[in-house]
Amino acid sequence: MKVSFELNGEPKYLDVEPGERLVALLRRLGMKSVKEGCGTGDCGACTVLVDGRAMRSCLMVAPQVQGKRVMTLEGLGTVDDPHPLQQAFLDSGAVQCGFCTPGMILATYELLLRNGDPTPDEVREAISGNLCRCTGYVKIVDAVLLAAQWKKEGRWR
């Protein structure tokens, strides 16, 4: 079946199998930031934004994004030009092994779009569906609060 959607700002028109999971399609399209961890929606490693909402791509089939906007970490910033949220994760030491980082960043990006001045508890709630085995979450919360401060200062794009 054919599906058309926007991926990181670029239109896509593709043939997909009706049961093809979105995580598999995105990996097939070269989106290396989208990881399959558990395959059951529990770990958050496959988090992407669909029409601005954090979603688990392992729980979606590709036809569900028909006519929608999908953003992966590749659509947020680059190595040479990181988004301020990505830079805050680096500056705060919130990245260790990196497996969970794309999902954490996208989940918190959605939070900061909705709430530019979150409390630490609101940050913890936003990342509650994203598991990390390395950081203990403290530096991740610190990074999001730093990015929120930068957003208030007008440093976001």
N, C-alpha and C. Protein backbone atom coordinates (compact mmCIF):
# COMPACT_ATOMS: atom_id res chain seq x y z
N MET A 1 0.83 -1.17 0.00
CA MET A 1 0.00 0.00 0.00
C MET A 1 0.88 1.24 0.00
N LYS A 2 0.35 2.33 -0.48
CA LYS A 2 1.10 3.58 -0.54
C LYS A 2 0.80 4.43 0.69
N VAL A 3 1.83 5.12 1.16
CA VAL A 3 1.67 6.03 2.29
C VAL A 3 2.46 7.30 1.96
N SER A 4 1.87 8.43 2.28
CA SER A 4 2.59 9.70 2.10
C SER A 4 2.55 10.44 3.43
N PHE A 5 3.70 10.97 3.80
CA PHE A 5 3.83 11.71 5.05
C PHE A 5 5.05 12.59 4.95
N GLU A 6 5.24 13.44 5.94
CA GLU A 6 6.41 14.30 5.99
C GLU A 6 7.37 13.73 7.02
N LEU A 7 8.62 13.55 6.63
CA LEU A 7 9.65 13.05 7.54
C LEU A 7 10.73 14.11 7.65
N ASN A 8 10.85 14.68 8.83
CA ASN A 8 11.85 15.71 9.09
C ASN A 8 11.79 16.83 8.06
N GLY A 9 10.56 17.20 7.70
CA GLY A 9 10.36 18.31 6.78
C GLY A 9 10.37 17.97 5.31
N GLU A 10 10.62 16.71 4.99
CA GLU A 10 10.68 16.27 3.60
C GLU A 10 9.50 15.37 3.28
N PRO A 11 8.83 15.60 2.15
CA PRO A 11 7.71 14.71 1.79
C PRO A 11 8.22 13.31 1.41
N LYS A 12 7.49 12.31 1.83
CA LYS A 12 7.81 10.92 1.51
C LYS A 12 6.58 10.26 0.91
N TYR A 13 6.78 9.53 -0.17
CA TYR A 13 5.72 8.76 -0.83
C TYR A 13 6.28 7.36 -1.02
N LEU A 14 5.76 6.40 -0.26
CA LEU A 14 6.39 5.09 -0.20
C LEU A 14 5.37 3.96 -0.30
N ASP A 15 5.87 2.83 -0.75
CA ASP A 15 5.11 1.60 -0.67
C ASP A 15 5.49 0.92 0.64
N VAL A 16 4.50 0.53 1.41
CA VAL A 16 4.75 -0.17 2.67
C VAL A 16 3.80 -1.36 2.76
N GLU A 17 4.20 -2.30 3.57
CA GLU A 17 3.31 -3.42 3.88
C GLU A 17 2.32 -2.94 4.94
N PRO A 18 1.08 -3.38 4.89
CA PRO A 18 0.08 -2.90 5.86
C PRO A 18 0.50 -3.10 7.32
N GLY A 19 1.24 -4.14 7.63
CA GLY A 19 1.65 -4.40 9.00
C GLY A 19 3.07 -3.95 9.33
N GLU A 20 3.72 -3.25 8.41
CA GLU A 20 5.10 -2.80 8.68
C GLU A 20 5.09 -1.78 9.81
N ARG A 21 5.87 -2.05 10.83
CA ARG A 21 5.94 -1.12 11.96
C ARG A 21 6.71 0.14 11.56
N LEU A 22 6.30 1.25 12.14
CA LEU A 22 6.93 2.52 11.83
C LEU A 22 8.42 2.50 12.16
N VAL A 23 8.80 1.87 13.26
CA VAL A 23 10.23 1.81 13.61
C VAL A 23 11.02 1.14 12.50
N ALA A 24 10.50 0.10 11.90
CA ALA A 24 11.20 -0.59 10.81
C ALA A 24 11.28 0.30 9.57
N LEU A 25 10.20 0.98 9.26
CA LEU A 25 10.21 1.88 8.10
C LEU A 25 11.23 2.99 8.29
N LEU A 26 11.24 3.60 9.46
CA LEU A 26 12.18 4.69 9.70
C LEU A 26 13.63 4.22 9.64
N ARG A 27 13.90 3.05 10.17
CA ARG A 27 15.25 2.48 10.07
C ARG A 27 15.61 2.21 8.61
N ARG A 28 14.64 1.70 7.86
CA ARG A 28 14.85 1.44 6.42
C ARG A 28 15.17 2.74 5.69
N LEU A 29 14.61 3.84 6.14
CA LEU A 29 14.85 5.15 5.53
C LEU A 29 16.13 5.81 6.05
N GLY A 30 16.88 5.12 6.90
CA GLY A 30 18.17 5.62 7.36
C GLY A 30 18.13 6.43 8.64
N MET A 31 17.03 6.42 9.35
CA MET A 31 16.93 7.17 10.61
C MET A 31 17.56 6.34 11.72
N LYS A 32 18.86 6.50 11.88
CA LYS A 32 19.61 5.70 12.84
C LYS A 32 19.32 6.06 14.30
N SER A 33 18.75 7.23 14.54
CA SER A 33 18.44 7.62 15.92
C SER A 33 17.27 6.83 16.49
N VAL A 34 16.44 6.27 15.63
CA VAL A 34 15.26 5.53 16.08
C VAL A 34 15.71 4.11 16.38
N LYS A 35 15.70 3.76 17.65
CA LYS A 35 16.20 2.45 18.08
C LYS A 35 15.05 1.54 18.46
N GLU A 36 15.21 0.26 18.17
CA GLU A 36 14.25 -0.70 18.70
C GLU A 36 14.88 -1.32 19.92
N GLY A 37 14.29 -1.04 21.06
CA GLY A 37 14.77 -1.61 22.30
C GLY A 37 13.93 -2.81 22.67
N CYS A 38 12.78 -2.55 23.24
CA CYS A 38 11.93 -3.63 23.75
C CYS A 38 10.93 -4.14 22.73
N GLY A 39 10.50 -3.30 21.81
CA GLY A 39 9.49 -3.69 20.83
C GLY A 39 8.08 -3.73 21.38
N THR A 40 7.91 -3.30 22.64
CA THR A 40 6.59 -3.33 23.28
C THR A 40 6.17 -1.96 23.82
N GLY A 41 6.89 -0.91 23.49
CA GLY A 41 6.53 0.43 23.93
C GLY A 41 6.93 0.77 25.34
N ASP A 42 7.73 -0.08 25.98
CA ASP A 42 8.08 0.15 27.39
C ASP A 42 9.35 0.98 27.60
N CYS A 43 10.28 0.96 26.63
CA CYS A 43 11.58 1.59 26.89
C CYS A 43 11.72 3.00 26.33
N GLY A 44 10.97 3.35 25.29
CA GLY A 44 11.03 4.69 24.73
C GLY A 44 12.18 4.94 23.76
N ALA A 45 12.99 3.93 23.48
CA ALA A 45 14.13 4.12 22.57
C ALA A 45 13.68 4.44 21.15
N CYS A 46 12.47 4.10 20.81
CA CYS A 46 11.95 4.31 19.45
C CYS A 46 11.08 5.56 19.35
N THR A 47 11.13 6.44 20.36
CA THR A 47 10.27 7.61 20.38
C THR A 47 10.54 8.53 19.20
N VAL A 48 9.46 8.95 18.55
CA VAL A 48 9.49 9.95 17.49
C VAL A 48 8.35 10.92 17.77
N LEU A 49 8.34 12.04 17.09
CA LEU A 49 7.22 12.96 17.19
C LEU A 49 6.33 12.77 15.97
N VAL A 50 5.05 12.57 16.21
CA VAL A 50 4.06 12.47 15.14
C VAL A 50 3.08 13.62 15.36
N ASP A 51 3.08 14.54 14.40
CA ASP A 51 2.29 15.77 14.54
C ASP A 51 2.55 16.44 15.89
N GLY A 52 3.83 16.44 16.28
CA GLY A 52 4.24 17.13 17.50
C GLY A 52 4.05 16.38 18.80
N ARG A 53 3.58 15.16 18.73
CA ARG A 53 3.36 14.37 19.95
C ARG A 53 4.36 13.21 20.00
N ALA A 54 4.94 12.98 21.17
CA ALA A 54 5.87 11.87 21.34
C ALA A 54 5.11 10.55 21.26
N MET A 55 5.55 9.70 20.36
CA MET A 55 4.90 8.40 20.13
C MET A 55 5.96 7.31 20.07
N ARG A 56 5.58 6.10 20.44
CA ARG A 56 6.46 4.94 20.34
C ARG A 56 6.29 4.35 18.94
N SER A 57 7.32 4.44 18.13
CA SER A 57 7.22 3.97 16.74
C SER A 57 7.15 2.46 16.64
N CYS A 58 7.53 1.75 17.70
CA CYS A 58 7.42 0.28 17.66
C CYS A 58 5.98 -0.17 17.82
N LEU A 59 5.11 0.72 18.30
CA LEU A 59 3.71 0.38 18.50
C LEU A 59 2.81 0.87 17.36
N MET A 60 3.41 1.52 16.38
CA MET A 60 2.63 2.06 15.27
C MET A 60 2.95 1.29 14.00
N VAL A 61 1.97 1.14 13.14
CA VAL A 61 2.24 0.61 11.82
C VAL A 61 2.38 1.79 10.87
N ALA A 62 3.18 1.60 9.85
CA ALA A 62 3.52 2.69 8.93
C ALA A 62 2.29 3.40 8.36
N PRO A 63 1.24 2.70 7.97
CA PRO A 63 0.08 3.42 7.43
C PRO A 63 -0.56 4.42 8.39
N GLN A 64 -0.27 4.33 9.69
CA GLN A 64 -0.83 5.28 10.65
C GLN A 64 -0.28 6.69 10.49
N VAL A 65 0.84 6.85 9.78
CA VAL A 65 1.40 8.20 9.61
C VAL A 65 0.94 8.84 8.30
N GLN A 66 0.01 8.22 7.61
CA GLN A 66 -0.53 8.80 6.38
C GLN A 66 -0.98 10.25 6.63
N GLY A 67 -0.39 11.17 5.86
CA GLY A 67 -0.78 12.57 5.96
C GLY A 67 -0.26 13.30 7.19
N LYS A 68 0.63 12.68 7.95
CA LYS A 68 1.11 13.28 9.20
C LYS A 68 2.56 13.77 9.05
N ARG A 69 2.99 14.52 10.05
CA ARG A 69 4.37 14.99 10.14
C ARG A 69 5.11 14.12 11.17
N VAL A 70 6.21 13.52 10.75
CA VAL A 70 7.02 12.69 11.63
C VAL A 70 8.39 13.36 11.78
N MET A 71 8.84 13.45 13.02
CA MET A 71 10.18 14.00 13.25
C MET A 71 10.98 13.02 14.10
N THR A 72 12.19 12.76 13.64
CA THR A 72 13.16 11.98 14.40
C THR A 72 14.24 12.94 14.90
N LEU A 73 15.18 12.44 15.65
CA LEU A 73 16.25 13.30 16.13
C LEU A 73 17.02 13.93 14.97
N GLU A 74 17.11 13.23 13.85
CA GLU A 74 17.79 13.78 12.68
C GLU A 74 17.15 15.07 12.19
N GLY A 75 15.87 15.27 12.49
CA GLY A 75 15.17 16.47 12.07
C GLY A 75 15.29 17.62 13.06
N LEU A 76 15.89 17.39 14.20
CA LEU A 76 16.00 18.42 15.23
C LEU A 76 17.26 19.25 15.06
N GLY A 77 18.38 18.60 14.93
CA GLY A 77 19.65 19.29 14.79
C GLY A 77 20.70 18.36 14.23
N THR A 78 21.88 18.88 13.99
CA THR A 78 22.97 18.09 13.42
C THR A 78 24.19 18.15 14.34
N VAL A 79 25.18 17.36 14.03
CA VAL A 79 26.43 17.40 14.79
C VAL A 79 27.06 18.78 14.70
N ASP A 80 27.02 19.37 13.52
CA ASP A 80 27.62 20.69 13.33
C ASP A 80 26.73 21.84 13.82
N ASP A 81 25.43 21.59 13.90
CA ASP A 81 24.49 22.63 14.31
C ASP A 81 23.42 22.01 15.22
N PRO A 82 23.81 21.64 16.44
CA PRO A 82 22.84 20.99 17.33
C PRO A 82 21.75 21.97 17.78
N HIS A 83 20.57 21.42 18.00
CA HIS A 83 19.49 22.19 18.60
C HIS A 83 19.91 22.52 20.04
N PRO A 84 19.47 23.64 20.59
CA PRO A 84 19.84 23.96 21.97
C PRO A 84 19.51 22.86 22.98
N LEU A 85 18.44 22.11 22.77
CA LEU A 85 18.14 21.00 23.68
C LEU A 85 19.22 19.93 23.60
N GLN A 86 19.67 19.63 22.39
CA GLN A 86 20.77 18.67 22.24
C GLN A 86 22.03 19.19 22.90
N GLN A 87 22.31 20.48 22.73
CA GLN A 87 23.50 21.08 23.34
C GLN A 87 23.40 21.03 24.86
N ALA A 88 22.20 21.25 25.40
CA ALA A 88 22.02 21.19 26.85
C ALA A 88 22.30 19.78 27.37
N PHE A 89 21.90 18.75 26.62
CA PHE A 89 22.20 17.38 27.03
C PHE A 89 23.72 17.17 27.07
N LEU A 90 24.42 17.70 26.08
CA LEU A 90 25.88 17.56 26.05
C LEU A 90 26.51 18.35 27.19
N ASP A 91 26.12 19.60 27.35
CA ASP A 91 26.71 20.47 28.37
C ASP A 91 26.45 19.96 29.79
N SER A 92 25.33 19.28 29.99
CA SER A 92 24.97 18.79 31.33
C SER A 92 25.49 17.39 31.61
N GLY A 93 26.14 16.77 30.65
CA GLY A 93 26.63 15.40 30.85
C GLY A 93 25.50 14.39 30.92
N ALA A 94 24.40 14.67 30.21
CA ALA A 94 23.22 13.80 30.26
C ALA A 94 23.29 12.66 29.26
N VAL A 95 24.41 12.52 28.60
CA VAL A 95 24.58 11.47 27.59
C VAL A 95 25.69 10.55 28.05
N GLN A 96 25.37 9.28 28.15
CA GLN A 96 26.43 8.32 28.47
C GLN A 96 26.53 7.33 27.32
N CYS A 97 25.85 6.21 27.39
CA CYS A 97 25.96 5.26 26.27
C CYS A 97 25.25 5.79 25.03
N GLY A 98 24.21 6.61 25.23
CA GLY A 98 23.52 7.25 24.12
C GLY A 98 22.34 6.50 23.55
N PHE A 99 22.10 5.28 23.97
CA PHE A 99 21.02 4.49 23.39
C PHE A 99 19.66 5.15 23.62
N CYS A 100 19.44 5.66 24.81
CA CYS A 100 18.14 6.26 25.15
C CYS A 100 18.04 7.72 24.76
N THR A 101 19.15 8.35 24.44
CA THR A 101 19.20 9.80 24.27
C THR A 101 18.23 10.34 23.22
N PRO A 102 18.15 9.77 22.02
CA PRO A 102 17.20 10.32 21.05
C PRO A 102 15.77 10.34 21.57
N GLY A 103 15.33 9.28 22.19
CA GLY A 103 13.98 9.24 22.73
C GLY A 103 13.79 10.23 23.86
N MET A 104 14.79 10.35 24.73
CA MET A 104 14.72 11.33 25.82
C MET A 104 14.61 12.74 25.27
N ILE A 105 15.42 13.06 24.28
CA ILE A 105 15.42 14.41 23.72
C ILE A 105 14.07 14.70 23.06
N LEU A 106 13.54 13.77 22.29
CA LEU A 106 12.26 14.03 21.63
C LEU A 106 11.11 14.12 22.63
N ALA A 107 11.13 13.30 23.65
CA ALA A 107 10.07 13.38 24.68
C ALA A 107 10.12 14.73 25.40
N THR A 108 11.32 15.21 25.69
CA THR A 108 11.44 16.48 26.40
C THR A 108 11.27 17.67 25.46
N TYR A 109 11.57 17.50 24.19
CA TYR A 109 11.28 18.54 23.20
C TYR A 109 9.78 18.80 23.16
N GLU A 110 8.99 17.72 23.14
CA GLU A 110 7.54 17.89 23.16
C GLU A 110 7.12 18.63 24.43
N LEU A 111 7.68 18.25 25.58
CA LEU A 111 7.36 18.93 26.83
C LEU A 111 7.64 20.43 26.72
N LEU A 112 8.82 20.78 26.23
CA LEU A 112 9.22 22.19 26.18
C LEU A 112 8.43 22.98 25.15
N LEU A 113 7.88 22.33 24.16
CA LEU A 113 6.99 23.02 23.23
C LEU A 113 5.68 23.37 23.92
N ARG A 114 5.20 22.48 24.78
CA ARG A 114 3.94 22.70 25.50
C ARG A 114 4.13 23.57 26.73
N ASN A 115 5.27 23.41 27.40
CA ASN A 115 5.51 24.06 28.68
C ASN A 115 6.96 24.53 28.71
N GLY A 116 7.16 25.81 28.47
CA GLY A 116 8.51 26.34 28.40
C GLY A 116 9.20 26.54 29.73
N ASP A 117 8.48 26.31 30.82
CA ASP A 117 9.06 26.51 32.15
C ASP A 117 8.64 25.36 33.07
N PRO A 118 9.07 24.14 32.74
CA PRO A 118 8.63 22.99 33.53
C PRO A 118 9.36 22.91 34.88
N THR A 119 8.69 22.28 35.81
CA THR A 119 9.31 21.97 37.10
C THR A 119 10.11 20.67 36.93
N PRO A 120 11.00 20.38 37.86
CA PRO A 120 11.71 19.09 37.79
C PRO A 120 10.74 17.91 37.77
N ASP A 121 9.66 17.99 38.54
CA ASP A 121 8.68 16.89 38.53
C ASP A 121 8.01 16.75 37.16
N GLU A 122 7.73 17.85 36.50
CA GLU A 122 7.13 17.78 35.16
C GLU A 122 8.11 17.18 34.15
N VAL A 123 9.38 17.46 34.30
CA VAL A 123 10.39 16.85 33.43
C VAL A 123 10.44 15.35 33.69
N ARG A 124 10.46 14.96 34.95
CA ARG A 124 10.49 13.53 35.29
C ARG A 124 9.26 12.81 34.73
N GLU A 125 8.10 13.47 34.79
CA GLU A 125 6.88 12.88 34.24
C GLU A 125 7.01 12.72 32.72
N ALA A 126 7.59 13.72 32.04
CA ALA A 126 7.73 13.67 30.59
C ALA A 126 8.65 12.54 30.14
N ILE A 127 9.65 12.21 30.95
CA ILE A 127 10.58 11.15 30.57
C ILE A 127 10.25 9.81 31.22
N SER A 128 9.12 9.74 31.90
CA SER A 128 8.79 8.53 32.65
C SER A 128 8.64 7.30 31.76
N GLY A 129 8.36 7.48 30.50
CA GLY A 129 8.24 6.35 29.58
C GLY A 129 9.51 6.02 28.83
N ASN A 130 10.61 6.69 29.20
CA ASN A 130 11.89 6.47 28.56
C ASN A 130 12.89 5.94 29.58
N LEU A 131 13.37 4.75 29.35
CA LEU A 131 14.28 4.12 30.30
C LEU A 131 15.74 4.42 29.98
N CYS A 132 16.52 4.66 31.03
CA CYS A 132 17.95 4.86 30.91
C CYS A 132 18.63 3.99 31.97
N ARG A 133 19.62 3.26 31.56
CA ARG A 133 20.33 2.40 32.51
C ARG A 133 21.66 3.00 32.96
N CYS A 134 22.02 4.18 32.41
CA CYS A 134 23.34 4.73 32.68
C CYS A 134 23.35 5.95 33.58
N THR A 135 22.41 6.88 33.38
CA THR A 135 22.59 8.21 33.95
C THR A 135 21.94 8.41 35.32
N GLY A 136 20.95 7.66 35.68
CA GLY A 136 20.23 7.92 36.91
C GLY A 136 19.26 9.08 36.80
N TYR A 137 19.10 9.64 35.61
CA TYR A 137 18.10 10.65 35.27
C TYR A 137 18.39 12.05 35.80
N VAL A 138 19.22 12.23 36.79
CA VAL A 138 19.44 13.55 37.38
C VAL A 138 20.00 14.51 36.32
N LYS A 139 21.00 14.09 35.59
CA LYS A 139 21.61 14.97 34.59
C LYS A 139 20.66 15.22 33.42
N ILE A 140 19.79 14.27 33.14
CA ILE A 140 18.79 14.48 32.08
C ILE A 140 17.82 15.58 32.50
N VAL A 141 17.34 15.52 33.73
CA VAL A 141 16.46 16.57 34.24
C VAL A 141 17.18 17.91 34.22
N ASP A 142 18.44 17.92 34.65
CA ASP A 142 19.24 19.15 34.64
C ASP A 142 19.34 19.72 33.22
N ALA A 143 19.55 18.85 32.25
CA ALA A 143 19.68 19.28 30.85
C ALA A 143 18.40 19.93 30.35
N VAL A 144 17.28 19.34 30.67
CA VAL A 144 16.00 19.88 30.21
C VAL A 144 15.72 21.22 30.87
N LEU A 145 16.04 21.34 32.13
CA LEU A 145 15.85 22.62 32.83
C LEU A 145 16.78 23.69 32.26
N LEU A 146 18.01 23.31 31.89
CA LEU A 146 18.93 24.24 31.24
C LEU A 146 18.36 24.69 29.88
N ALA A 147 17.87 23.74 29.10
CA ALA A 147 17.28 24.08 27.80
C ALA A 147 16.06 24.98 27.98
N ALA A 148 15.27 24.75 29.01
CA ALA A 148 14.12 25.61 29.29
C ALA A 148 14.58 27.04 29.59
N GLN A 149 15.65 27.15 30.35
CA GLN A 149 16.20 28.48 30.65
C GLN A 149 16.66 29.16 29.37
N TRP A 150 17.35 28.42 28.52
CA TRP A 150 17.80 28.98 27.23
C TRP A 150 16.62 29.40 26.38
N LYS A 151 15.54 28.62 26.43
CA LYS A 151 14.35 28.95 25.66
C LYS A 151 13.77 30.28 26.15
N LYS A 152 13.71 30.46 27.48
CA LYS A 152 13.21 31.72 28.04
C LYS A 152 14.09 32.90 27.63
N GLU A 153 15.38 32.63 27.45
CA GLU A 153 16.32 33.67 27.05
C GLU A 153 16.32 33.92 25.56
N GLY A 154 15.50 33.18 24.81
CA GLY A 154 15.42 33.37 23.37
C GLY A 154 16.49 32.65 22.57
N ARG A 155 17.13 31.66 23.16
CA ARG A 155 18.21 30.95 22.48
C ARG A 155 17.72 29.75 21.65
N TRP A 156 16.41 29.55 21.59
CA TRP A 156 15.85 28.45 20.78
C TRP A 156 15.58 28.94 19.38
N ARG A 157 15.56 27.99 18.47
CA ARG A 157 15.14 28.30 17.09
C ARG A 157 13.97 27.47 16.74
